[in-house]
N, C-alpha and C. Protein backbone atom coordinates (compact mmCIF):
# COMPACT_ATOMS: atom_id res chain seq x y z
N UNK A 1 168.77 53.95 118.36
CA UNK A 1 167.53 53.95 119.10
C UNK A 1 167.70 54.80 120.34
N UNK A 2 166.73 55.67 120.58
CA UNK A 2 166.79 56.61 121.70
C UNK A 2 166.13 56.02 122.94
N UNK A 3 166.75 56.22 124.08
CA UNK A 3 166.21 55.71 125.34
C UNK A 3 165.06 56.61 125.79
N UNK A 4 163.93 55.99 126.09
CA UNK A 4 162.77 56.75 126.56
C UNK A 4 162.88 56.96 128.06
N UNK A 5 162.46 58.12 128.49
CA UNK A 5 162.43 58.40 129.93
C UNK A 5 160.99 58.62 130.36
N UNK A 6 160.69 58.13 131.52
CA UNK A 6 159.35 58.29 132.09
C UNK A 6 159.37 59.54 132.96
N UNK A 7 158.37 60.38 132.79
CA UNK A 7 158.32 61.63 133.55
C UNK A 7 157.38 61.55 134.74
N UNK A 8 156.26 60.86 134.61
CA UNK A 8 155.31 60.75 135.72
C UNK A 8 154.71 59.36 135.78
N UNK A 9 154.31 58.98 136.99
CA UNK A 9 153.60 57.72 137.20
C UNK A 9 152.34 58.05 137.99
N UNK A 10 151.20 57.59 137.51
CA UNK A 10 149.92 57.85 138.17
C UNK A 10 149.24 56.56 138.54
N UNK A 11 148.50 56.59 139.63
CA UNK A 11 147.63 55.49 140.02
C UNK A 11 146.20 55.97 139.86
N UNK A 12 145.36 55.13 139.25
CA UNK A 12 143.96 55.48 139.07
C UNK A 12 143.11 54.29 139.48
N UNK A 13 142.03 54.55 140.17
CA UNK A 13 141.10 53.50 140.59
C UNK A 13 140.08 53.29 139.47
N UNK A 14 139.93 52.04 139.03
CA UNK A 14 138.95 51.67 138.01
C UNK A 14 138.13 50.50 138.55
N UNK A 15 136.99 50.81 139.14
CA UNK A 15 136.17 49.75 139.73
C UNK A 15 136.92 49.14 140.91
N UNK A 16 137.19 47.84 140.82
CA UNK A 16 137.92 47.20 141.91
C UNK A 16 139.40 47.05 141.60
N UNK A 17 139.85 47.61 140.49
CA UNK A 17 141.25 47.50 140.07
C UNK A 17 141.96 48.84 140.17
N UNK A 18 143.29 48.78 140.20
CA UNK A 18 144.14 49.97 140.19
C UNK A 18 144.97 49.96 138.92
N UNK A 19 144.93 51.05 138.17
CA UNK A 19 145.73 51.18 136.96
C UNK A 19 146.98 51.99 137.27
N UNK A 20 148.13 51.47 136.85
CA UNK A 20 149.39 52.18 136.99
C UNK A 20 149.73 52.70 135.60
N UNK A 21 149.81 54.02 135.47
CA UNK A 21 150.08 54.64 134.18
C UNK A 21 151.40 55.39 134.22
N UNK A 22 152.22 55.19 133.20
CA UNK A 22 153.48 55.90 133.05
C UNK A 22 153.32 56.85 131.87
N UNK A 23 153.39 58.14 132.13
CA UNK A 23 153.18 59.17 131.11
C UNK A 23 151.87 58.97 130.35
N UNK A 24 150.83 58.56 131.05
CA UNK A 24 149.52 58.41 130.45
C UNK A 24 149.26 57.05 129.81
N UNK A 25 150.29 56.23 129.63
CA UNK A 25 150.12 54.91 129.04
C UNK A 25 149.95 53.87 130.13
N UNK A 26 149.02 52.93 129.91
CA UNK A 26 148.78 51.88 130.88
C UNK A 26 150.00 50.98 130.99
N UNK A 27 150.51 50.85 132.20
CA UNK A 27 151.67 50.00 132.44
C UNK A 27 151.24 48.68 133.11
N UNK A 28 150.31 48.78 134.08
CA UNK A 28 149.85 47.58 134.79
C UNK A 28 148.44 47.82 135.31
N UNK A 29 147.69 46.74 135.41
CA UNK A 29 146.36 46.76 136.01
C UNK A 29 146.42 45.77 137.17
N UNK A 30 146.25 46.28 138.39
CA UNK A 30 146.50 45.51 139.59
C UNK A 30 145.22 45.45 140.43
N UNK A 31 145.01 44.32 141.08
CA UNK A 31 143.81 44.15 141.89
C UNK A 31 143.90 44.92 143.19
N UNK A 32 145.05 44.90 143.83
CA UNK A 32 145.19 45.52 145.14
C UNK A 32 146.00 46.81 145.07
N UNK A 33 145.59 47.79 145.86
CA UNK A 33 146.28 49.07 145.92
C UNK A 33 147.73 48.89 146.35
N UNK A 34 147.96 47.97 147.28
CA UNK A 34 149.31 47.73 147.78
C UNK A 34 150.24 47.28 146.64
N UNK A 35 149.74 46.46 145.74
CA UNK A 35 150.54 46.03 144.59
C UNK A 35 150.80 47.16 143.63
N UNK A 36 149.81 48.02 143.41
CA UNK A 36 149.99 49.17 142.53
C UNK A 36 151.02 50.13 143.11
N UNK A 37 150.98 50.32 144.42
CA UNK A 37 151.96 51.19 145.07
C UNK A 37 153.37 50.59 144.96
N UNK A 38 153.48 49.27 145.02
CA UNK A 38 154.78 48.61 144.89
C UNK A 38 155.36 48.83 143.50
N UNK A 39 154.52 48.73 142.46
CA UNK A 39 154.97 48.97 141.09
C UNK A 39 155.41 50.42 140.94
N UNK A 40 154.60 51.34 141.48
CA UNK A 40 154.95 52.76 141.41
C UNK A 40 156.27 53.05 142.12
N UNK A 41 156.42 52.50 143.33
CA UNK A 41 157.63 52.74 144.10
C UNK A 41 158.87 52.18 143.41
N UNK A 42 158.72 51.04 142.74
CA UNK A 42 159.83 50.45 142.00
C UNK A 42 160.27 51.38 140.87
N UNK A 43 159.31 51.92 140.14
CA UNK A 43 159.65 52.86 139.06
C UNK A 43 160.32 54.12 139.60
N UNK A 44 159.82 54.60 140.71
CA UNK A 44 160.40 55.81 141.31
C UNK A 44 161.86 55.55 141.70
N UNK A 45 162.11 54.39 142.31
CA UNK A 45 163.47 54.06 142.73
C UNK A 45 164.41 53.86 141.54
N UNK A 46 163.94 53.15 140.52
CA UNK A 46 164.81 52.82 139.39
C UNK A 46 165.08 54.02 138.49
N UNK A 47 164.07 54.83 138.25
CA UNK A 47 164.22 55.91 137.28
C UNK A 47 164.30 57.29 137.92
N UNK A 48 164.03 57.38 139.22
CA UNK A 48 164.07 58.68 139.87
C UNK A 48 163.00 59.63 139.37
N UNK A 49 161.83 59.10 139.12
CA UNK A 49 160.73 59.91 138.59
C UNK A 49 159.80 60.34 139.70
N UNK A 50 159.09 61.44 139.52
CA UNK A 50 158.14 61.87 140.55
C UNK A 50 156.90 60.97 140.53
N UNK A 51 156.36 60.72 141.71
CA UNK A 51 155.16 59.89 141.82
C UNK A 51 154.00 60.74 142.31
N UNK A 52 152.87 60.61 141.65
CA UNK A 52 151.66 61.29 142.09
C UNK A 52 150.92 60.37 143.05
N UNK A 53 150.34 60.96 144.07
CA UNK A 53 149.61 60.18 145.07
C UNK A 53 148.32 59.64 144.48
N UNK A 54 147.86 58.47 144.93
CA UNK A 54 146.59 57.93 144.45
C UNK A 54 145.43 58.79 144.93
N UNK A 55 144.31 58.73 144.24
CA UNK A 55 143.15 59.54 144.64
C UNK A 55 142.65 59.14 146.01
N UNK A 56 142.17 60.12 146.74
CA UNK A 56 141.61 59.88 148.07
C UNK A 56 140.13 59.59 147.90
N UNK A 57 139.78 58.36 147.74
CA UNK A 57 138.38 58.01 147.54
C UNK A 57 138.04 56.72 148.24
N UNK A 58 136.84 56.30 148.08
CA UNK A 58 136.42 55.04 148.69
C UNK A 58 136.28 55.17 150.19
N UNK A 59 136.73 54.18 150.87
CA UNK A 59 136.61 54.18 152.32
C UNK A 59 137.58 55.15 152.95
N UNK A 60 137.12 55.81 153.94
CA UNK A 60 138.00 56.71 154.68
C UNK A 60 138.10 56.21 156.11
N UNK A 61 139.23 56.46 156.70
CA UNK A 61 139.40 56.05 158.08
C UNK A 61 139.07 57.24 158.96
N UNK A 62 138.24 57.01 159.93
CA UNK A 62 137.87 58.06 160.87
C UNK A 62 138.14 57.55 162.26
N UNK A 63 138.56 58.44 163.09
CA UNK A 63 138.70 58.07 164.49
C UNK A 63 137.32 58.01 165.10
N UNK A 64 137.08 56.96 165.78
CA UNK A 64 135.77 56.83 166.43
C UNK A 64 135.91 57.22 167.88
N UNK A 65 134.83 57.73 168.40
CA UNK A 65 134.85 58.10 169.80
C UNK A 65 134.90 56.85 170.65
N UNK A 66 135.55 56.96 171.78
CA UNK A 66 135.63 55.83 172.68
C UNK A 66 134.23 55.50 173.18
N UNK A 67 133.89 54.25 173.06
CA UNK A 67 132.56 53.83 173.50
C UNK A 67 132.49 53.85 175.02
N UNK A 68 131.34 54.22 175.50
CA UNK A 68 131.14 54.25 176.95
C UNK A 68 131.14 52.83 177.49
N UNK A 69 131.73 52.66 178.62
CA UNK A 69 131.75 51.36 179.27
C UNK A 69 130.33 51.01 179.70
N UNK A 70 129.93 49.76 179.54
CA UNK A 70 128.58 49.40 179.99
C UNK A 70 128.51 49.48 181.51
N UNK A 71 127.35 49.92 181.97
CA UNK A 71 127.20 50.05 183.42
C UNK A 71 127.11 48.65 184.03
N UNK A 72 127.71 48.48 185.18
CA UNK A 72 127.69 47.15 185.81
C UNK A 72 126.25 46.79 186.18
N UNK A 73 125.91 45.54 185.94
CA UNK A 73 124.55 45.11 186.27
C UNK A 73 124.50 44.75 187.76
N UNK A 74 123.37 45.02 188.38
CA UNK A 74 123.26 44.68 189.81
C UNK A 74 123.27 43.17 189.98
N UNK A 75 124.02 42.75 190.95
CA UNK A 75 124.14 41.29 191.20
C UNK A 75 123.01 40.84 192.12
N UNK A 76 122.48 39.71 191.79
CA UNK A 76 121.45 39.12 192.66
C UNK A 76 122.16 38.27 193.71
N UNK A 77 121.94 38.55 194.97
CA UNK A 77 122.59 37.76 196.03
C UNK A 77 121.59 37.01 196.85
C-alpha cells in the first residue's frame, strides 16, 4: 500500500460554515473560522504542506476615525 501525500489545503466559506479541503477532498466542515485554521495549521505542521489563505470576504475591519469629543455643556449655577 502506497502512502498518500497531501499537496494543498484550502479553506472555503460555505454559508456559516468553513470547509477544510485537502487536495480538493472535503476533510472537515467546521462552524468557526478559528477551528478551520487550527485544522489547517495542524496539517501544515505534520505534513509540511503549503497552506492557502482563506478568502477575504464577509466582514472587513476598518479603522474608524476618532470621534470628536462632545462639547462641554454649560453649567447652571
